[in-house]
Amino acid sequence: MRIFLDTNIFYNNWFVNKANFQYLFHFLNNEDHDLLLSNIVLEETNNIRNRQVDSNIEEIQSSINKLKKLNSSNINFDKESLGISDYNLLNELDGKINNITPIEYESISHNRIVSRLFKNLKPFSSQEKGYRDTLIWLSLVKHVKESGRRDEVIFITENSSDFYSNNKDQISFHSDLQKDLEDENISVKIIPYKNLHEFVKTQIDKETHSFDHTKYESIFEEYVEINSIEYLESLDNESLSFYLEDSIFESKASNITNITVDILEGFEDNSIERVSQVDGNKVYVSYEFNLRRVFIQIELPYLDYITNKAEIDSKYEVINNNGQFVTIEKLVRPYFDVSFIFSPHTEELESFSVDHLWLRR
């Protein structure tokens, strides 16, 4: 999926830190989707914000000038002391989204835009407004056609009158824009939304995407690996026999003195399967993964080993025999379904549980 945001989505959300943006960014990263960022949207957002800053500074200066007339002593005003920082939308998005795809507009023919103006084709309006919107639309259509990708595109703008048909029951592109897609033979589904809130409300599972999964991937891996090792090393005779599908540890060599686990390669196919809210600060996480090249080492009394030597030697490798204890080893690949409680605010993890385990041999 690719999601396109128009300039008006960023208006008064300059620092993209409100709730809808947070859910959107988590959704993009968790599902490995792309944000389509038009260069003209980027430039216009920066320009509008900077114009508003300049306008407010002028208002402050005007108020200071009026105040000077009301005060006998000198009043100093230095706009540099206000602490206003430089602004760039791309900098605000940096680090929040993994995949940003830029859309350039420089190659769009000016003659083509003028032709649409004279024909009053949307997004132009009857007042000849819509140059910027036309440039945005044509560059997006060009990008979709040339990208070669087949995944759907979400188009979000609050400028319904210039992009969408006048239909209260269903949102659809204006017939002029539909014709553009047909003329360019674009079969990729482009789905319109009237605002970001509507997309978040209808398409994003707020529990699943309450936090950025990729941000905490290394934390989760370390936590579940440590706890998984502890789980395997704490197996009793019955559990060990069950998972290894070998009754010898339950019926014959039952005096196990120690179990240790050695992981040679680590994680593979790890994924968050489900997230649900526990309370305002914590979520329940269902997590799946497997571990490559894991050696389970089992220590037995020498008497247990020698009594069952033929059977043990046929299934396990002896790696240590000091005449008192014998350590045998089995190579396995554990597949885990686990769950735990996670607090995104504090990054604390607790209540680890193994819900399913399969030791592939």
Protein backbone atom coordinates (compact mmCIF):
# COMPACT_ATOMS: atom_id res chain seq x y z
CA MET A 1 0.00 0.00 0.00
CA ARG A 2 1.07 3.58 -0.75
CA ILE A 3 -0.48 6.55 1.01
CA PHE A 4 -0.50 10.05 -0.47
CA LEU A 5 -1.15 13.06 1.77
CA ASP A 6 -2.09 16.46 0.36
CA THR A 7 -0.74 19.72 1.78
CA ASN A 8 -3.94 20.44 3.71
CA ILE A 9 -3.40 17.31 5.81
CA PHE A 10 -0.25 18.89 7.23
CA TYR A 11 -1.83 22.32 7.73
CA ASN A 12 -1.77 23.18 11.47
CA ASN A 13 -0.16 19.78 12.02
CA TRP A 14 3.30 21.04 11.19
CA PHE A 15 5.10 18.71 13.58
CA VAL A 16 3.03 15.62 12.68
CA ASN A 17 2.68 14.59 16.32
CA LYS A 18 -1.07 14.37 16.77
CA ALA A 19 -2.85 11.07 17.37
CA ASN A 20 -3.95 10.40 13.78
CA PHE A 21 -0.41 10.88 12.52
CA GLN A 22 0.95 8.58 15.22
CA TYR A 23 -1.43 5.79 14.20
CA LEU A 24 -0.66 6.38 10.53
CA PHE A 25 3.11 6.23 11.05
CA HIS A 26 2.86 3.07 13.15
CA PHE A 27 0.63 1.51 10.49
CA LEU A 28 3.05 2.43 7.70
CA ASN A 29 6.06 1.00 9.53
CA ASN A 30 4.36 -2.08 10.96
CA GLU A 31 2.86 -3.08 7.61
CA ASP A 32 5.87 -1.94 5.54
CA HIS A 33 3.80 0.54 3.50
CA ASP A 34 5.08 3.70 1.77
CA LEU A 35 4.27 7.36 2.26
CA LEU A 36 4.10 9.14 -1.09
CA LEU A 37 5.44 12.64 -0.54
CA SER A 38 5.06 15.05 -3.44
CA ASN A 39 7.87 17.59 -3.71
CA ILE A 40 5.27 20.29 -4.29
CA VAL A 41 3.43 19.25 -1.11
CA LEU A 42 6.73 19.40 0.74
CA GLU A 43 7.61 22.83 -0.63
CA GLU A 44 4.13 24.24 -0.13
CA THR A 45 3.87 22.99 3.46
CA ASN A 46 7.21 24.60 4.30
CA ASN A 47 6.16 27.82 2.57
CA ILE A 48 2.77 28.09 4.30
CA ARG A 49 4.29 27.50 7.72
CA ASN A 50 7.05 30.05 7.15
CA ARG A 51 4.55 32.64 5.86
CA GLN A 52 2.48 32.20 8.99
CA VAL A 53 5.58 32.64 11.16
CA ASP A 54 6.48 35.85 9.30
CA SER A 55 2.90 37.11 9.63
CA ASN A 56 2.90 36.50 13.37
CA ILE A 57 6.24 38.25 13.77
CA GLU A 58 4.83 41.24 11.91
CA GLU A 59 1.87 41.28 14.28
CA ILE A 60 4.21 41.21 17.26
CA GLN A 61 6.27 44.03 15.76
CA SER A 62 3.12 46.04 15.15
CA SER A 63 2.03 45.53 18.77
CA ILE A 64 5.49 46.54 19.99
CA ASN A 65 5.34 49.74 17.94
CA LYS A 66 1.97 50.57 19.46
CA LEU A 67 3.28 49.78 22.92
CA LYS A 68 6.22 52.14 22.43
CA LYS A 69 3.79 55.00 22.06
CA LEU A 70 2.32 54.14 25.44
CA ASN A 71 5.60 53.81 27.33
CA SER A 72 8.08 56.49 28.33
CA SER A 73 11.13 54.22 28.46
CA ASN A 74 12.66 52.41 25.53
CA ILE A 75 11.19 49.02 24.58
CA ASN A 76 13.48 46.60 22.81
CA PHE A 77 12.29 43.82 20.55
CA ASP A 78 14.56 41.38 18.76
CA LYS A 79 12.84 38.67 16.74
CA GLU A 80 15.94 36.50 17.05
CA SER A 81 15.28 36.22 20.78
CA LEU A 82 11.94 34.48 20.12
CA GLY A 83 13.75 31.21 19.47
CA ILE A 84 11.96 30.43 16.21
CA SER A 85 13.64 27.45 14.56
CA ASP A 86 14.01 26.58 10.92
CA TYR A 87 11.31 24.30 9.60
CA ASN A 88 11.30 21.53 7.01
CA LEU A 89 8.53 18.96 6.81
CA LEU A 90 10.97 16.32 5.65
CA ASN A 91 12.98 16.79 8.86
CA GLU A 92 9.80 16.36 10.92
CA LEU A 93 9.06 13.07 9.13
CA ASP A 94 12.63 11.83 9.39
CA GLY A 95 12.89 8.94 11.83
CA LYS A 96 9.12 8.57 12.07
CA ILE A 97 8.54 6.72 8.78
CA ASN A 98 10.68 3.94 7.36
CA ASN A 99 9.60 4.27 3.71
CA ILE A 100 9.10 7.68 2.08
CA THR A 101 8.81 7.81 -1.70
CA PRO A 102 9.30 11.28 -3.24
CA ILE A 103 7.21 12.37 -6.23
CA GLU A 104 8.84 14.94 -8.51
CA TYR A 105 6.80 17.38 -10.61
CA GLU A 106 9.44 19.09 -12.74
CA SER A 107 8.80 16.86 -15.76
CA ILE A 108 5.10 17.77 -16.01
CA SER A 109 4.56 19.84 -19.17
CA HIS A 110 3.47 23.42 -18.59
CA ASN A 111 1.55 23.26 -21.88
CA ARG A 112 -0.46 20.33 -20.55
CA ILE A 113 -1.41 22.29 -17.44
CA VAL A 114 -2.41 25.35 -19.46
CA SER A 115 -4.51 23.16 -21.76
CA ARG A 116 -6.39 21.82 -18.74
CA LEU A 117 -6.90 25.36 -17.50
CA PHE A 118 -8.53 26.47 -20.76
CA LYS A 119 -10.72 23.36 -20.79
CA ASN A 120 -11.60 23.92 -17.12
CA LEU A 121 -10.67 20.34 -16.24
CA LYS A 122 -10.43 19.43 -12.58
CA PRO A 123 -8.69 20.13 -10.31
CA PHE A 124 -9.04 23.60 -11.94
CA SER A 125 -12.10 25.50 -10.83
CA SER A 126 -14.20 28.06 -12.67
CA GLN A 127 -12.12 30.85 -11.12
CA GLU A 128 -9.01 29.41 -12.78
CA LYS A 129 -7.68 28.27 -9.42
CA GLY A 130 -6.03 24.88 -9.19
CA TYR A 131 -2.59 25.11 -10.75
CA ARG A 132 -0.93 23.52 -7.72
CA ASP A 133 -3.58 20.81 -7.38
CA THR A 134 -3.32 20.00 -11.09
CA LEU A 135 0.44 19.68 -10.77
CA ILE A 136 0.03 17.39 -7.77
CA TRP A 137 -2.51 15.20 -9.56
CA LEU A 138 -0.63 14.86 -12.83
CA SER A 139 2.65 14.09 -11.09
CA LEU A 140 0.94 11.45 -8.95
CA VAL A 141 -0.65 9.81 -11.99
CA LYS A 142 2.72 9.83 -13.75
CA HIS A 143 4.42 8.29 -10.72
CA VAL A 144 1.82 5.53 -10.36
CA LYS A 145 2.10 4.67 -14.05
CA GLU A 146 5.90 4.63 -14.15
CA SER A 147 6.48 2.88 -10.81
CA GLY A 148 5.26 -0.46 -12.16
CA ARG A 149 3.84 -1.34 -8.75
CA ARG A 150 0.42 -2.96 -8.41
CA ASP A 151 -0.35 -2.20 -4.77
CA GLU A 152 -3.20 0.20 -4.10
CA VAL A 153 -2.77 3.92 -3.49
CA ILE A 154 -4.63 5.82 -0.78
CA PHE A 155 -5.27 9.46 -1.73
CA ILE A 156 -6.11 11.73 1.20
CA THR A 157 -7.09 15.37 0.77
CA GLU A 158 -9.49 17.75 2.46
CA ASN A 159 -9.98 19.56 -0.85
CA SER A 160 -13.04 17.57 -1.84
CA SER A 161 -14.53 20.15 -4.21
CA ASP A 162 -11.59 20.06 -6.63
CA PHE A 163 -10.77 16.35 -6.56
CA TYR A 164 -13.97 14.47 -5.78
CA SER A 165 -17.42 14.17 -7.29
CA ASN A 166 -20.36 15.86 -5.61
CA ASN A 167 -21.84 12.70 -4.17
CA LYS A 168 -22.71 12.64 -0.49
CA ASP A 169 -23.28 8.89 -0.37
CA GLN A 170 -19.96 7.76 -1.82
CA ILE A 171 -16.51 9.28 -2.22
CA SER A 172 -15.13 9.03 -5.74
CA PHE A 173 -12.84 11.02 -7.97
CA HIS A 174 -14.31 13.66 -10.25
CA SER A 175 -15.06 12.35 -13.76
CA ASP A 176 -12.21 14.47 -15.18
CA LEU A 177 -9.74 12.68 -12.93
CA GLN A 178 -11.29 9.29 -13.62
CA LYS A 179 -10.74 9.98 -17.32
CA ASP A 180 -7.07 10.77 -16.64
CA LEU A 181 -6.65 7.33 -15.10
CA GLU A 182 -8.43 5.66 -18.01
CA ASP A 183 -6.40 7.58 -20.60
CA GLU A 184 -3.17 6.48 -18.93
CA ASN A 185 -4.41 2.86 -18.68
CA ILE A 186 -3.91 2.87 -14.92
CA SER A 187 -5.60 -0.14 -13.38
CA VAL A 188 -4.04 0.32 -9.96
CA LYS A 189 -6.73 1.02 -7.40
CA ILE A 190 -6.52 4.62 -6.12
CA ILE A 191 -8.85 5.07 -3.17
CA PRO A 192 -9.95 8.57 -2.10
CA TYR A 193 -10.47 9.77 1.48
CA LYS A 194 -11.69 13.18 2.63
CA ASN A 195 -9.40 13.42 5.65
CA LEU A 196 -6.79 11.52 7.62
CA HIS A 197 -9.15 10.86 10.52
CA GLU A 198 -11.54 8.93 8.27
CA PHE A 199 -8.76 6.69 6.98
CA VAL A 200 -7.40 6.02 10.46
CA LYS A 201 -10.87 5.31 11.85
CA THR A 202 -11.89 2.88 9.11
CA GLN A 203 -8.64 1.21 8.07
CA ILE A 204 -6.23 1.16 11.01
CA ASP A 205 -6.60 -1.20 13.96
CA LYS A 206 -5.72 1.12 16.82
CA GLU A 207 -4.78 -1.70 19.19
CA THR A 208 -2.46 -3.42 16.73
CA HIS A 209 -0.86 -0.14 15.72
CA SER A 210 -0.79 1.54 19.10
CA PHE A 211 3.01 1.48 18.87
CA ASP A 212 5.71 1.14 16.22
CA HIS A 213 6.59 -2.57 16.13
CA THR A 214 9.83 -2.00 14.24
CA LYS A 215 11.07 0.46 16.84
CA TYR A 216 10.94 -2.20 19.56
CA GLU A 217 12.00 -5.18 17.47
CA SER A 218 15.43 -5.54 19.09
CA ILE A 219 13.97 -5.10 22.59
CA PHE A 220 11.39 -7.82 21.95
CA GLU A 221 14.00 -10.17 20.48
CA GLU A 222 16.30 -9.85 23.45
CA TYR A 223 13.46 -10.26 25.94
CA VAL A 224 11.88 -13.34 24.37
CA GLU A 225 15.23 -15.00 23.66
CA ILE A 226 16.31 -14.71 27.29
CA ASN A 227 12.98 -15.97 28.56
CA SER A 228 12.78 -18.74 25.97
CA ILE A 229 16.18 -20.06 27.01
CA GLU A 230 15.09 -19.98 30.65
CA TYR A 231 11.91 -21.83 29.70
CA LEU A 232 13.80 -24.60 27.90
CA GLU A 233 16.35 -24.91 30.68
CA SER A 234 13.60 -25.27 33.28
CA LEU A 235 11.80 -28.16 31.55
CA ASP A 236 11.02 -31.06 33.84
CA ASN A 237 11.27 -34.71 32.83
CA GLU A 238 7.70 -34.93 31.59
CA SER A 239 7.93 -31.76 29.50
CA LEU A 240 11.32 -32.71 28.06
CA SER A 241 10.00 -36.11 27.03
CA PHE A 242 6.93 -34.49 25.48
CA TYR A 243 8.80 -31.89 23.40
CA LEU A 244 11.57 -34.26 22.31
CA GLU A 245 9.00 -37.00 21.76
CA ASP A 246 11.19 -39.39 23.71
CA SER A 247 9.85 -41.13 26.82
CA ILE A 248 13.31 -42.16 28.00
CA PHE A 249 13.61 -39.05 30.22
CA GLU A 250 10.31 -39.84 31.87
CA SER A 251 10.65 -43.58 32.35
CA LYS A 252 14.33 -44.64 32.25
CA ALA A 253 16.84 -41.78 32.48
CA SER A 254 14.69 -39.65 34.75
CA ASN A 255 17.37 -38.27 37.09
CA ILE A 256 18.24 -35.21 35.02
CA THR A 257 20.60 -32.94 36.94
CA ASN A 258 20.83 -29.98 34.55
CA ILE A 259 19.65 -28.65 31.17
CA THR A 260 21.53 -25.95 29.27
CA VAL A 261 20.72 -24.35 25.94
CA ASP A 262 23.18 -23.01 23.37
CA ILE A 263 21.88 -20.89 20.46
CA LEU A 264 24.26 -20.69 17.52
CA GLU A 265 22.35 -18.57 14.98
CA GLY A 266 19.33 -16.95 16.62
CA PHE A 267 16.04 -15.46 15.40
CA GLU A 268 14.12 -16.16 12.24
CA ASP A 269 10.55 -15.46 11.07
CA ASN A 270 9.74 -13.39 14.14
CA SER A 271 6.49 -11.45 13.97
CA ILE A 272 3.85 -9.81 16.12
CA GLU A 273 0.64 -11.74 15.57
CA ARG A 274 -1.75 -9.81 17.75
CA VAL A 275 -1.87 -6.77 20.00
CA SER A 276 -4.70 -5.90 22.38
CA GLN A 277 -5.09 -3.21 24.99
CA VAL A 278 -4.73 -4.25 28.62
CA ASP A 279 -5.14 -0.78 30.10
CA GLY A 280 -4.28 2.78 29.15
CA ASN A 281 -0.53 2.15 29.37
CA LYS A 282 -0.05 -1.54 28.58
CA VAL A 283 -0.76 -3.91 25.71
CA TYR A 284 -0.88 -7.67 25.36
CA VAL A 285 1.44 -8.92 22.60
CA SER A 286 1.22 -12.31 20.90
CA TYR A 287 4.57 -13.07 19.27
CA GLU A 288 5.88 -15.88 17.04
CA PHE A 289 9.45 -16.81 16.14
CA ASN A 290 11.84 -19.69 15.75
CA LEU A 291 15.49 -20.14 16.69
CA ARG A 292 18.05 -21.61 14.32
CA ARG A 293 20.58 -24.24 15.42
CA VAL A 294 19.80 -24.65 19.09
CA PHE A 295 21.62 -27.32 21.09
CA ILE A 296 19.86 -28.71 24.15
CA GLN A 297 22.42 -30.24 26.51
CA ILE A 298 21.14 -32.65 29.14
CA GLU A 299 23.23 -33.76 32.11
CA LEU A 300 22.56 -37.23 33.57
CA PRO A 301 24.11 -39.35 36.31
CA TYR A 302 26.63 -41.77 34.83
CA LEU A 303 24.59 -44.76 36.06
CA ASP A 304 21.48 -43.59 34.17
CA TYR A 305 23.54 -43.17 31.03
CA ILE A 306 25.38 -46.49 31.19
CA THR A 307 22.12 -48.34 31.93
CA ASN A 308 20.53 -46.91 28.76
CA LYS A 309 23.72 -46.40 26.75
CA ALA A 310 22.63 -48.06 23.50
CA GLU A 311 19.34 -46.18 23.30
CA ILE A 312 20.89 -42.83 24.26
CA ASP A 313 23.84 -43.15 21.86
CA SER A 314 21.46 -43.86 18.98
CA LYS A 315 19.61 -40.57 19.49
CA TYR A 316 22.03 -38.14 21.18
CA GLU A 317 25.64 -37.08 21.04
CA VAL A 318 27.74 -37.47 24.16
CA ILE A 319 29.77 -34.28 24.67
CA ASN A 320 31.09 -34.93 28.16
CA ASN A 321 31.65 -37.98 30.36
CA ASN A 322 33.66 -37.56 33.54
CA GLY A 323 32.69 -40.88 35.09
CA GLN A 324 30.23 -39.23 37.44
CA PHE A 325 27.95 -37.30 35.09
CA VAL A 326 27.35 -37.52 31.35
CA THR A 327 26.20 -34.62 29.17
CA ILE A 328 24.31 -35.49 26.00
CA GLU A 329 23.25 -33.09 23.26
CA LYS A 330 20.45 -32.71 20.71
CA LEU A 331 20.24 -30.21 17.84
CA VAL A 332 16.74 -28.73 17.52
CA ARG A 333 14.96 -25.78 15.98
CA PRO A 334 12.38 -24.45 18.47
CA TYR A 335 9.22 -22.78 17.10
CA PHE A 336 7.67 -20.57 19.76
CA ASP A 337 4.30 -18.89 20.18
CA VAL A 338 4.67 -16.64 23.19
CA SER A 339 2.89 -13.71 24.78
CA PHE A 340 3.82 -10.89 27.12
CA ILE A 341 2.70 -7.51 28.44
CA PHE A 342 4.40 -4.41 27.05
CA SER A 343 4.29 -0.77 28.09
CA PRO A 344 5.27 1.47 25.13
CA HIS A 345 5.66 4.45 27.47
CA THR A 346 8.22 2.85 29.78
CA GLU A 347 9.45 0.09 27.40
CA GLU A 348 8.93 -2.43 30.22
CA LEU A 349 8.05 -6.06 29.45
CA GLU A 350 6.50 -8.56 31.81
CA SER A 351 4.33 -11.68 32.19
CA PHE A 352 6.16 -13.81 29.62
CA SER A 353 4.30 -16.98 28.70
CA VAL A 354 4.97 -19.82 26.26
CA ASP A 355 1.67 -20.60 24.56
CA HIS A 356 2.98 -23.19 22.13
CA LEU A 357 6.33 -24.85 21.47
CA TRP A 358 7.49 -27.27 18.80
CA LEU A 359 11.05 -28.64 18.76
CA ARG A 360 11.82 -29.47 15.16
CA ARG A 361 14.65 -31.99 14.88
